[in-house]
Amino acid sequence: MAEQHKLIYPIKHFRDFLENEIRLDGRTFDKYRPIGVNIASCQHSLGSSATKIGNSNILCGIRAELSKPRASKPLAGYIVPNVDMSFTAFSKASSSCNNQNVSEILECFIYRILYESHCLKLEDLCIHPGKLVWCLYIDIIGLEVDGGVFDASVLACASALSTLNLPIVTYDEKSGKIEIGDEMKKLHLNIFPVVSTYSIFDNVVLVDPTYREESISSTVFHLGVHEDTIGLFHKSGGVPISVKEIQQSVKNAVHREKEITSLLNSLKTNQ
């Protein structure tokens, strides 16, 4: 009977739980789901990571190719995110969910995060000014998605970049000869970009919502912070958010960013 009530009246069922200050999975409103990160998980990539937030599983592998730089930026390399959200990944989504749209939105979102956060200097990808640079293809694959796809994808990308080693390349400008050495050089990251997702239902802010919570909430938004500074606020549609709700979310996001940065630093130390 309880299962039928949940299917027929999903919003009322959810509201009944929130009135008792608990969520469907037993978490409190400000409780995050467990995180799992496995770096350097793919031997065939120059940098890789597998991340898990709750039931969301994301893989990230990084490929590198030599390329000519843009004429407008002769000292900078490229980053090209490629996101693949398969049908299996969104098996819990409604039939209205367009996987292609999700992939395109995520690709733009991740590029914006990496570029605007100055996570890495594109100038570090330059081999010879105006002649030769590295192009990094960041391949992200969703194995299963149950909310927090932005958080998990950015985490997978950042942790994969933290393991990236590029071969040392020399370029002879006179002959145009390219030599790829056996020695590898680690790519330096300035920061670890961290994104946290929140949803609002009946004026209650829920941190790290599941897919079901996202789908019935009036608003879903994403925050990116670094050292108490807001670097990103992303909200697509929904109802307006009060100043109090934003302040509460920023406080949670700052704490979350410190936890994840500490986790990634410990993983790099033990690598």
Protein backbone atom coordinates (compact mmCIF):
# COMPACT_ATOMS: atom_id res chain seq x y z
CA MET A 1 0.00 0.00 0.00
CA ALA A 2 2.81 2.39 0.89
CA GLU A 3 4.48 1.69 -2.46
CA GLN A 4 1.23 2.45 -4.32
CA HIS A 5 0.82 5.70 -2.38
CA LYS A 6 4.36 6.72 -3.39
CA LEU A 7 3.65 6.06 -7.07
CA ILE A 8 0.23 7.75 -7.17
CA TYR A 9 1.10 10.75 -4.97
CA PRO A 10 4.88 11.23 -5.27
CA ILE A 11 4.90 14.86 -4.15
CA LYS A 12 2.64 14.27 -1.13
CA HIS A 13 4.73 11.23 -0.23
CA PHE A 14 7.89 13.34 -0.36
CA ARG A 15 6.27 16.17 1.60
CA ASP A 16 5.21 13.77 4.36
CA PHE A 17 8.86 12.81 4.87
CA LEU A 18 10.07 16.42 4.89
CA GLU A 19 7.50 17.37 7.51
CA ASN A 20 9.31 14.92 9.80
CA GLU A 21 12.64 16.58 8.87
CA ILE A 22 13.94 13.54 7.02
CA ARG A 23 14.42 12.63 3.37
CA LEU A 24 13.40 9.51 1.46
CA ASP A 25 16.86 7.95 1.79
CA GLY A 26 17.05 8.70 5.53
CA ARG A 27 19.33 11.75 5.28
CA THR A 28 18.75 15.06 7.02
CA PHE A 29 18.34 18.18 4.86
CA ASP A 30 22.02 19.17 5.09
CA LYS A 31 23.53 15.68 4.79
CA TYR A 32 25.69 14.81 1.78
CA ARG A 33 25.93 11.33 0.30
CA PRO A 34 29.17 9.33 0.59
CA ILE A 35 31.92 10.04 -1.96
CA GLY A 36 34.28 7.54 -3.55
CA VAL A 37 37.24 8.48 -5.77
CA ASN A 38 39.66 6.12 -7.51
CA ILE A 39 42.43 7.98 -9.35
CA ALA A 40 44.63 6.58 -12.13
CA SER A 41 42.02 3.87 -12.65
CA CYS A 42 42.55 3.44 -16.41
CA GLN A 43 45.96 2.32 -17.67
CA HIS A 44 45.31 3.46 -21.24
CA SER A 45 44.75 7.13 -20.34
CA LEU A 46 47.35 9.75 -19.46
CA GLY A 47 45.12 10.72 -16.55
CA SER A 48 41.96 9.05 -15.26
CA SER A 49 39.52 8.81 -12.39
CA ALA A 50 36.39 6.95 -11.32
CA THR A 51 34.08 8.81 -8.95
CA LYS A 52 30.96 7.85 -7.06
CA ILE A 53 28.53 10.15 -5.26
CA GLY A 54 25.68 8.16 -3.81
CA ASN A 55 24.44 6.00 -6.69
CA SER A 56 25.97 8.23 -9.38
CA ASN A 57 29.03 6.71 -11.07
CA ILE A 58 31.20 8.73 -13.45
CA LEU A 59 34.38 7.77 -15.30
CA CYS A 60 36.88 10.25 -16.72
CA GLY A 61 39.87 9.57 -18.96
CA ILE A 62 42.19 12.13 -20.56
CA ARG A 63 43.80 11.83 -23.99
CA ALA A 64 46.36 14.26 -25.40
CA GLU A 65 47.16 15.15 -29.00
CA LEU A 66 49.67 17.53 -30.54
CA SER A 67 48.08 20.43 -32.39
CA LYS A 68 48.71 23.89 -33.78
CA PRO A 69 47.56 26.72 -31.46
CA ARG A 70 44.91 29.24 -32.34
CA ALA A 71 46.24 32.32 -34.09
CA SER A 72 44.62 34.50 -31.42
CA LYS A 73 46.29 32.53 -28.59
CA PRO A 74 49.67 31.29 -29.83
CA LEU A 75 50.87 30.47 -26.29
CA ALA A 76 47.84 28.45 -25.14
CA GLY A 77 46.78 24.84 -25.61
CA TYR A 78 43.24 23.43 -25.73
CA ILE A 79 40.86 21.57 -23.45
CA VAL A 80 37.96 19.71 -25.07
CA PRO A 81 35.41 18.03 -22.76
CA ASN A 82 33.47 15.13 -24.29
CA VAL A 83 30.51 13.84 -22.27
CA ASP A 84 28.68 10.59 -22.96
CA MET A 85 25.55 9.92 -20.92
CA SER A 86 24.26 6.55 -22.09
CA PHE A 87 20.68 5.29 -21.85
CA THR A 88 21.75 3.06 -18.97
CA ALA A 89 23.10 6.05 -17.08
CA PHE A 90 19.67 7.68 -17.09
CA SER A 91 17.58 4.56 -16.54
CA LYS A 92 15.96 6.31 -13.55
CA ALA A 93 15.10 9.40 -15.55
CA SER A 94 11.77 10.14 -17.05
CA SER A 95 11.09 9.61 -20.73
CA SER A 96 11.33 13.37 -21.24
CA CYS A 97 15.02 13.37 -20.32
CA ASN A 98 17.15 14.01 -23.40
CA ASN A 99 20.57 12.46 -22.88
CA GLN A 100 22.08 14.42 -25.76
CA ASN A 101 20.98 17.71 -24.21
CA VAL A 102 22.39 16.67 -20.84
CA SER A 103 25.72 15.82 -22.47
CA GLU A 104 25.91 19.14 -24.31
CA ILE A 105 25.02 21.13 -21.18
CA LEU A 106 27.65 19.27 -19.16
CA GLU A 107 30.33 19.82 -21.81
CA CYS A 108 29.74 23.59 -21.72
CA PHE A 109 29.52 23.57 -17.93
CA ILE A 110 32.80 21.69 -17.45
CA TYR A 111 34.63 23.85 -19.99
CA ARG A 112 33.39 26.95 -18.18
CA ILE A 113 34.48 25.55 -14.79
CA LEU A 114 37.98 24.68 -15.98
CA TYR A 115 38.48 27.87 -17.96
CA GLU A 116 37.02 30.43 -15.54
CA SER A 117 38.40 28.83 -12.37
CA HIS A 118 41.94 28.87 -13.83
CA CYS A 119 42.24 25.29 -12.63
CA LEU A 120 45.10 24.88 -15.05
CA LYS A 121 47.07 27.35 -17.14
CA LEU A 122 46.51 26.71 -20.82
CA GLU A 123 49.95 28.22 -21.35
CA ASP A 124 51.39 25.13 -19.60
CA LEU A 125 50.17 23.13 -22.60
CA CYS A 126 52.35 25.14 -24.99
CA ILE A 127 55.36 23.32 -26.47
CA HIS A 128 56.53 25.96 -28.94
CA PRO A 129 54.80 29.37 -29.24
CA GLY A 130 52.68 29.66 -32.37
CA LYS A 131 53.74 26.22 -33.61
CA LEU A 132 52.86 23.34 -31.30
CA VAL A 133 50.63 22.83 -28.26
CA TRP A 134 48.86 20.02 -26.42
CA CYS A 135 45.14 19.46 -26.92
CA LEU A 136 43.56 17.64 -23.96
CA TYR A 137 40.45 15.56 -24.66
CA ILE A 138 38.60 15.03 -21.39
CA ASP A 139 36.28 12.06 -21.91
CA ILE A 140 33.53 11.73 -19.30
CA ILE A 141 31.23 8.70 -19.25
CA GLY A 142 28.15 8.34 -17.06
CA LEU A 143 27.66 4.76 -15.93
CA GLU A 144 24.77 5.56 -13.63
CA VAL A 145 23.23 8.86 -12.66
CA ASP A 146 21.05 9.40 -9.59
CA GLY A 147 21.37 13.12 -9.02
CA GLY A 148 24.49 15.25 -8.59
CA VAL A 149 25.72 14.61 -12.13
CA PHE A 150 27.37 18.05 -12.25
CA ASP A 151 29.16 17.46 -8.94
CA ALA A 152 30.36 13.96 -9.86
CA SER A 153 31.48 14.96 -13.37
CA VAL A 154 33.52 17.95 -12.17
CA LEU A 155 35.03 15.83 -9.39
CA ALA A 156 35.96 13.10 -11.89
CA CYS A 157 37.49 15.68 -14.23
CA ALA A 158 39.51 17.43 -11.49
CA SER A 159 40.82 14.19 -10.00
CA ALA A 160 41.76 12.87 -13.46
CA LEU A 161 43.64 16.08 -14.25
CA SER A 162 45.51 15.76 -10.95
CA THR A 163 47.02 12.47 -12.23
CA LEU A 164 47.86 13.73 -15.73
CA ASN A 165 51.41 13.20 -16.97
CA LEU A 166 52.46 14.46 -20.40
CA PRO A 167 55.55 13.34 -22.31
CA ILE A 168 58.23 15.98 -22.80
CA VAL A 169 58.20 17.10 -26.43
CA THR A 170 60.82 19.11 -28.31
CA TYR A 171 60.18 21.03 -31.53
CA ASP A 172 62.83 22.15 -34.01
CA GLU A 173 61.57 25.36 -35.60
CA LYS A 174 63.95 25.17 -38.57
CA SER A 175 63.20 21.62 -39.65
CA GLY A 176 59.74 21.29 -38.08
CA LYS A 177 60.87 18.02 -36.49
CA ILE A 178 58.97 16.82 -33.43
CA GLU A 179 60.57 14.52 -30.88
CA ILE A 180 58.57 12.85 -28.12
CA GLY A 181 60.76 11.74 -25.22
CA ASP A 182 60.27 8.97 -22.70
CA GLU A 183 60.36 11.33 -19.74
CA MET A 184 56.97 12.50 -18.41
CA LYS A 185 56.03 15.82 -16.85
CA LYS A 186 53.17 16.29 -14.38
CA LEU A 187 50.60 18.95 -15.19
CA HIS A 188 50.26 21.53 -12.43
CA LEU A 189 46.79 22.36 -11.12
CA ASN A 190 46.23 25.73 -9.45
CA ILE A 191 43.05 24.61 -7.66
CA PHE A 192 40.66 21.67 -7.47
CA PRO A 193 37.30 22.90 -8.82
CA VAL A 194 34.43 21.64 -6.66
CA VAL A 195 30.73 22.01 -7.49
CA SER A 196 27.84 21.38 -5.09
CA THR A 197 24.22 20.92 -6.14
CA TYR A 198 21.16 22.01 -4.15
CA SER A 199 17.42 21.83 -4.66
CA ILE A 200 14.52 23.64 -3.01
CA PHE A 201 11.19 22.02 -2.15
CA ASP A 202 8.55 23.86 -0.10
CA ASN A 203 11.18 26.46 0.92
CA VAL A 204 13.45 23.70 2.26
CA VAL A 205 17.02 23.59 0.88
CA LEU A 206 18.20 20.03 0.22
CA VAL A 207 21.93 19.45 -0.26
CA ASP A 208 23.19 16.89 -2.77
CA PRO A 209 19.71 15.89 -4.03
CA THR A 210 19.01 12.52 -5.64
CA TYR A 211 17.48 12.41 -9.12
CA ARG A 212 14.00 12.00 -7.66
CA GLU A 213 14.49 14.99 -5.37
CA GLU A 214 15.77 17.08 -8.29
CA SER A 215 12.80 16.09 -10.48
CA ILE A 216 10.10 17.20 -8.02
CA SER A 217 11.86 20.26 -6.58
CA SER A 218 10.87 23.76 -7.62
CA THR A 219 14.49 24.83 -8.14
CA VAL A 220 17.86 23.17 -8.69
CA PHE A 221 21.07 25.20 -8.60
CA HIS A 222 24.83 24.65 -8.50
CA LEU A 223 27.53 26.46 -6.52
CA GLY A 224 31.26 26.46 -7.10
CA VAL A 225 33.39 27.91 -4.31
CA HIS A 226 37.08 28.16 -3.53
CA GLU A 227 38.49 29.36 -0.20
CA ASP A 228 35.26 31.08 0.89
CA THR A 229 34.82 32.77 -2.49
CA ILE A 230 31.93 32.04 -4.86
CA GLY A 231 33.33 31.29 -8.29
CA LEU A 232 30.19 29.93 -9.91
CA PHE A 233 26.45 30.19 -9.52
CA HIS A 234 24.40 28.23 -12.07
CA LYS A 235 20.61 28.09 -12.06
CA SER A 236 18.39 27.15 -14.96
CA GLY A 237 14.77 28.15 -14.46
CA GLY A 238 12.74 27.46 -11.34
CA VAL A 239 11.50 29.84 -8.67
CA PRO A 240 13.53 32.72 -7.21
CA ILE A 241 15.95 31.95 -4.38
CA SER A 242 16.03 34.05 -1.21
CA VAL A 243 19.21 35.60 0.19
CA LYS A 244 18.91 33.38 3.27
CA GLU A 245 18.75 30.23 1.12
CA ILE A 246 21.82 31.30 -0.87
CA GLN A 247 23.79 32.13 2.29
CA GLN A 248 22.90 28.74 3.79
CA SER A 249 23.94 26.96 0.60
CA VAL A 250 27.23 28.86 0.33
CA LYS A 251 28.11 27.92 3.90
CA ASN A 252 27.51 24.24 3.09
CA ALA A 253 29.43 24.52 -0.20
CA VAL A 254 32.50 26.01 1.52
CA HIS A 255 32.60 23.13 3.98
CA ARG A 256 32.12 20.63 1.16
CA GLU A 257 34.93 22.17 -0.93
CA LYS A 258 37.38 21.85 1.97
CA GLU A 259 36.45 18.19 2.50
CA ILE A 260 36.84 17.23 -1.17
CA THR A 261 40.10 19.18 -1.61
CA SER A 262 41.51 17.42 1.45
CA LEU A 263 40.40 14.05 0.02
CA LEU A 264 42.05 14.69 -3.35
CA ASN A 265 45.27 15.90 -1.72
CA SER A 266 45.45 12.74 0.38
CA LEU A 267 44.88 10.59 -2.70
CA LYS A 268 47.71 12.37 -4.54
CA THR A 269 50.02 11.92 -1.55
CA ASN A 270 49.33 8.17 -1.42
CA GLN A 271 49.57 7.72 -5.19
